[in-house]
Amino acid sequence: MRAGMQKVLGLCCTGGKLASLEEFRVQRDELMSETAQLEATFQEQERIHQAQIYDIEKKQVIENDRCSVIYQITTITATTTTTTTTTHLTALYPGQL
């Protein structure tokens, strides 16, 4: 009788250990799947973020170029206006400037 009880207890313990190992495997698989999903989400967000940074930097370069062109046009216009005014004044008042 005692040997029979030990055999039953041994099977229960072995079955319990196997059940625990199976439960562990299931939880591990779920965590691995969740980790893979999170990694994929992170990679997509990283790609989107890098694209946004690229677009912002591109707009900044374009704006800087636009401002540079406007500054050059303004400088050329001011220089031309000053030269034209000086030329006209010299013609109107020769020898006085």
C-alpha atoms as a PDB file:
ATOM      1  CA  MET A   1       0.000   0.000   0.000  1.00  0.00           C
ATOM      2  CA  ARG A   2       2.747   2.382   0.908  1.00  0.00           C
ATOM      3  CA  ALA A   3       4.573   1.638  -2.363  1.00  0.00           C
ATOM      4  CA  GLY A   4       1.352   2.344  -4.290  1.00  0.00           C
ATOM      5  CA  MET A   5       0.970   5.709  -2.530  1.00  0.00           C
ATOM      6  CA  GLN A   6       4.518   6.661  -3.333  1.00  0.00           C
ATOM      7  CA  LYS A   7       3.985   5.737  -6.968  1.00  0.00           C
ATOM      8  CA  VAL A   8       0.823   7.885  -7.119  1.00  0.00           C
ATOM      9  CA  LEU A   9       2.579  10.762  -5.358  1.00  0.00           C
ATOM     10  CA  GLY A  10       5.542  10.429  -7.720  1.00  0.00           C
ATOM     11  CA  LEU A  11       3.264  10.617 -10.736  1.00  0.00           C
ATOM     12  CA  CYS A  12       1.457  13.630  -9.261  1.00  0.00           C
ATOM     13  CA  CYS A  13       4.718  15.421  -8.574  1.00  0.00           C
ATOM     14  CA  THR A  14       6.088  14.549 -11.999  1.00  0.00           C
ATOM     15  CA  GLY A  15       2.816  15.622 -13.599  1.00  0.00           C
ATOM     16  CA  GLY A  16       2.872  18.814 -11.527  1.00  0.00           C
ATOM     17  CA  LYS A  17       6.411  19.572 -12.637  1.00  0.00           C
ATOM     18  CA  LEU A  18       5.492  18.920 -16.249  1.00  0.00           C
ATOM     19  CA  ALA A  19       2.442  21.135 -15.905  1.00  0.00           C
ATOM     20  CA  SER A  20       4.605  23.858 -14.373  1.00  0.00           C
ATOM     21  CA  LEU A  21       7.119  23.545 -17.182  1.00  0.00           C
ATOM     22  CA  GLU A  22       4.336  23.672 -19.765  1.00  0.00           C
ATOM     23  CA  GLU A  23       2.852  26.751 -18.056  1.00  0.00           C
ATOM     24  CA  PHE A  24       6.296  28.355 -18.071  1.00  0.00           C
ATOM     25  CA  ARG A  25       6.716  27.597 -21.775  1.00  0.00           C
ATOM     26  CA  VAL A  26       3.300  29.081 -22.581  1.00  0.00           C
ATOM     27  CA  GLN A  27       4.056  32.256 -20.618  1.00  0.00           C
ATOM     28  CA  ARG A  28       7.498  32.525 -22.209  1.00  0.00           C
ATOM     29  CA  ASP A  29       6.001  32.157 -25.692  1.00  0.00           C
ATOM     30  CA  GLU A  30       3.412  34.840 -24.929  1.00  0.00           C
ATOM     31  CA  LEU A  31       6.110  37.198 -23.654  1.00  0.00           C
ATOM     32  CA  MET A  32       8.306  36.532 -26.675  1.00  0.00           C
ATOM     33  CA  SER A  33       5.369  37.246 -28.988  1.00  0.00           C
ATOM     34  CA  GLU A  34       4.534  40.453 -27.123  1.00  0.00           C
ATOM     35  CA  THR A  35       8.196  41.492 -27.221  1.00  0.00           C
ATOM     36  CA  ALA A  36       8.303  40.917 -30.985  1.00  0.00           C
ATOM     37  CA  GLN A  37       5.167  43.035 -31.444  1.00  0.00           C
ATOM     38  CA  LEU A  38       6.601  45.826 -29.299  1.00  0.00           C
ATOM     39  CA  GLU A  39       9.861  45.700 -31.246  1.00  0.00           C
ATOM     40  CA  ALA A  40       7.984  45.961 -34.548  1.00  0.00           C
ATOM     41  CA  THR A  41       5.941  48.893 -33.210  1.00  0.00           C
ATOM     42  CA  PHE A  42       9.101  50.588 -31.982  1.00  0.00           C
ATOM     43  CA  GLN A  43      10.829  50.131 -35.349  1.00  0.00           C
ATOM     44  CA  GLU A  44       7.827  51.660 -37.162  1.00  0.00           C
ATOM     45  CA  GLN A  45       7.709  54.610 -34.763  1.00  0.00           C
ATOM     46  CA  GLU A  46      11.455  55.099 -35.177  1.00  0.00           C
ATOM     47  CA  ARG A  47      11.067  55.115 -38.974  1.00  0.00           C
ATOM     48  CA  ILE A  48       8.258  57.689 -38.756  1.00  0.00           C
ATOM     49  CA  HIS A  49      10.280  59.827 -36.344  1.00  0.00           C
ATOM     50  CA  GLN A  50      13.341  59.791 -38.622  1.00  0.00           C
ATOM     51  CA  ALA A  51      11.153  60.774 -41.589  1.00  0.00           C
ATOM     52  CA  GLN A  52       9.722  63.684 -39.588  1.00  0.00           C
ATOM     53  CA  ILE A  53      13.205  64.859 -38.604  1.00  0.00           C
ATOM     54  CA  TYR A  54      14.313  64.659 -42.241  1.00  0.00           C
ATOM     55  CA  ASP A  55      11.296  66.721 -43.385  1.00  0.00           C
ATOM     56  CA  ILE A  56      11.887  69.377 -40.708  1.00  0.00           C
ATOM     57  CA  GLU A  57      15.582  69.643 -41.573  1.00  0.00           C
ATOM     58  CA  LYS A  58      14.758  69.848 -45.293  1.00  0.00           C
ATOM     59  CA  LYS A  59      12.264  72.667 -44.653  1.00  0.00           C
ATOM     60  CA  GLN A  60      14.891  74.482 -42.569  1.00  0.00           C
ATOM     61  CA  VAL A  61      17.472  74.273 -45.361  1.00  0.00           C
ATOM     62  CA  ILE A  62      14.926  75.530 -47.896  1.00  0.00           C
ATOM     63  CA  GLU A  63      13.923  78.403 -45.584  1.00  0.00           C
ATOM     64  CA  ASN A  64      17.569  79.344 -44.990  1.00  0.00           C
ATOM     65  CA  ASP A  65      18.174  79.389 -48.758  1.00  0.00           C
ATOM     66  CA  ARG A  66      15.059  81.506 -49.282  1.00  0.00           C
ATOM     67  CA  CYS A  67      16.170  83.991 -46.616  1.00  0.00           C
ATOM     68  CA  SER A  68      19.660  84.121 -48.144  1.00  0.00           C
ATOM     69  CA  VAL A  69      18.241  84.899 -51.587  1.00  0.00           C
ATOM     70  CA  ILE A  70      15.958  87.597 -50.145  1.00  0.00           C
ATOM     71  CA  TYR A  71      18.915  89.129 -48.284  1.00  0.00           C
ATOM     72  CA  GLN A  72      21.024  89.121 -51.458  1.00  0.00           C
ATOM     73  CA  ILE A  73      18.215  90.716 -53.484  1.00  0.00           C
ATOM     74  CA  THR A  74      17.677  93.340 -50.787  1.00  0.00           C
ATOM     75  CA  THR A  75      21.401  94.109 -50.648  1.00  0.00           C
ATOM     76  CA  ILE A  76      21.678  94.338 -54.449  1.00  0.00           C
ATOM     77  CA  THR A  77      18.575  96.555 -54.604  1.00  0.00           C
ATOM     78  CA  ALA A  78      19.875  98.844 -51.858  1.00  0.00           C
ATOM     79  CA  THR A  79      23.303  99.089 -53.513  1.00  0.00           C
ATOM     80  CA  THR A  80      21.748  99.788 -56.907  1.00  0.00           C
ATOM     81  CA  THR A  81      19.448 102.423 -55.424  1.00  0.00           C
ATOM     82  CA  THR A  82      22.345 104.127 -53.641  1.00  0.00           C
ATOM     83  CA  THR A  83      24.498 104.083 -56.783  1.00  0.00           C
ATOM     84  CA  THR A  84      21.633 105.386 -58.924  1.00  0.00           C
ATOM     85  CA  THR A  85      20.841 108.149 -56.419  1.00  0.00           C
ATOM     86  CA  THR A  86      24.499 109.171 -56.210  1.00  0.00           C
ATOM     87  CA  THR A  87      24.745 109.219 -59.991  1.00  0.00           C
ATOM     88  CA  HIS A  88      21.640 111.395 -60.275  1.00  0.00           C
ATOM     89  CA  LEU A  89      22.790 113.769 -57.548  1.00  0.00           C
ATOM     90  CA  THR A  90      26.221 114.054 -59.165  1.00  0.00           C
ATOM     91  CA  ALA A  91      24.558 114.925 -62.445  1.00  0.00           C
ATOM     92  CA  LEU A  92      22.335 117.523 -60.767  1.00  0.00           C
ATOM     93  CA  TYR A  93      25.065 119.045 -58.618  1.00  0.00           C
ATOM     94  CA  PRO A  94      28.338 118.558 -60.419  1.00  0.00           C
ATOM     95  CA  GLY A  95      31.404 119.279 -58.301  1.00  0.00           C
ATOM     96  CA  GLN A  96      29.443 119.602 -55.061  1.00  0.00           C
ATOM     97  CA  LEU A  97      29.412 115.972 -53.926  1.00  0.00           C
END
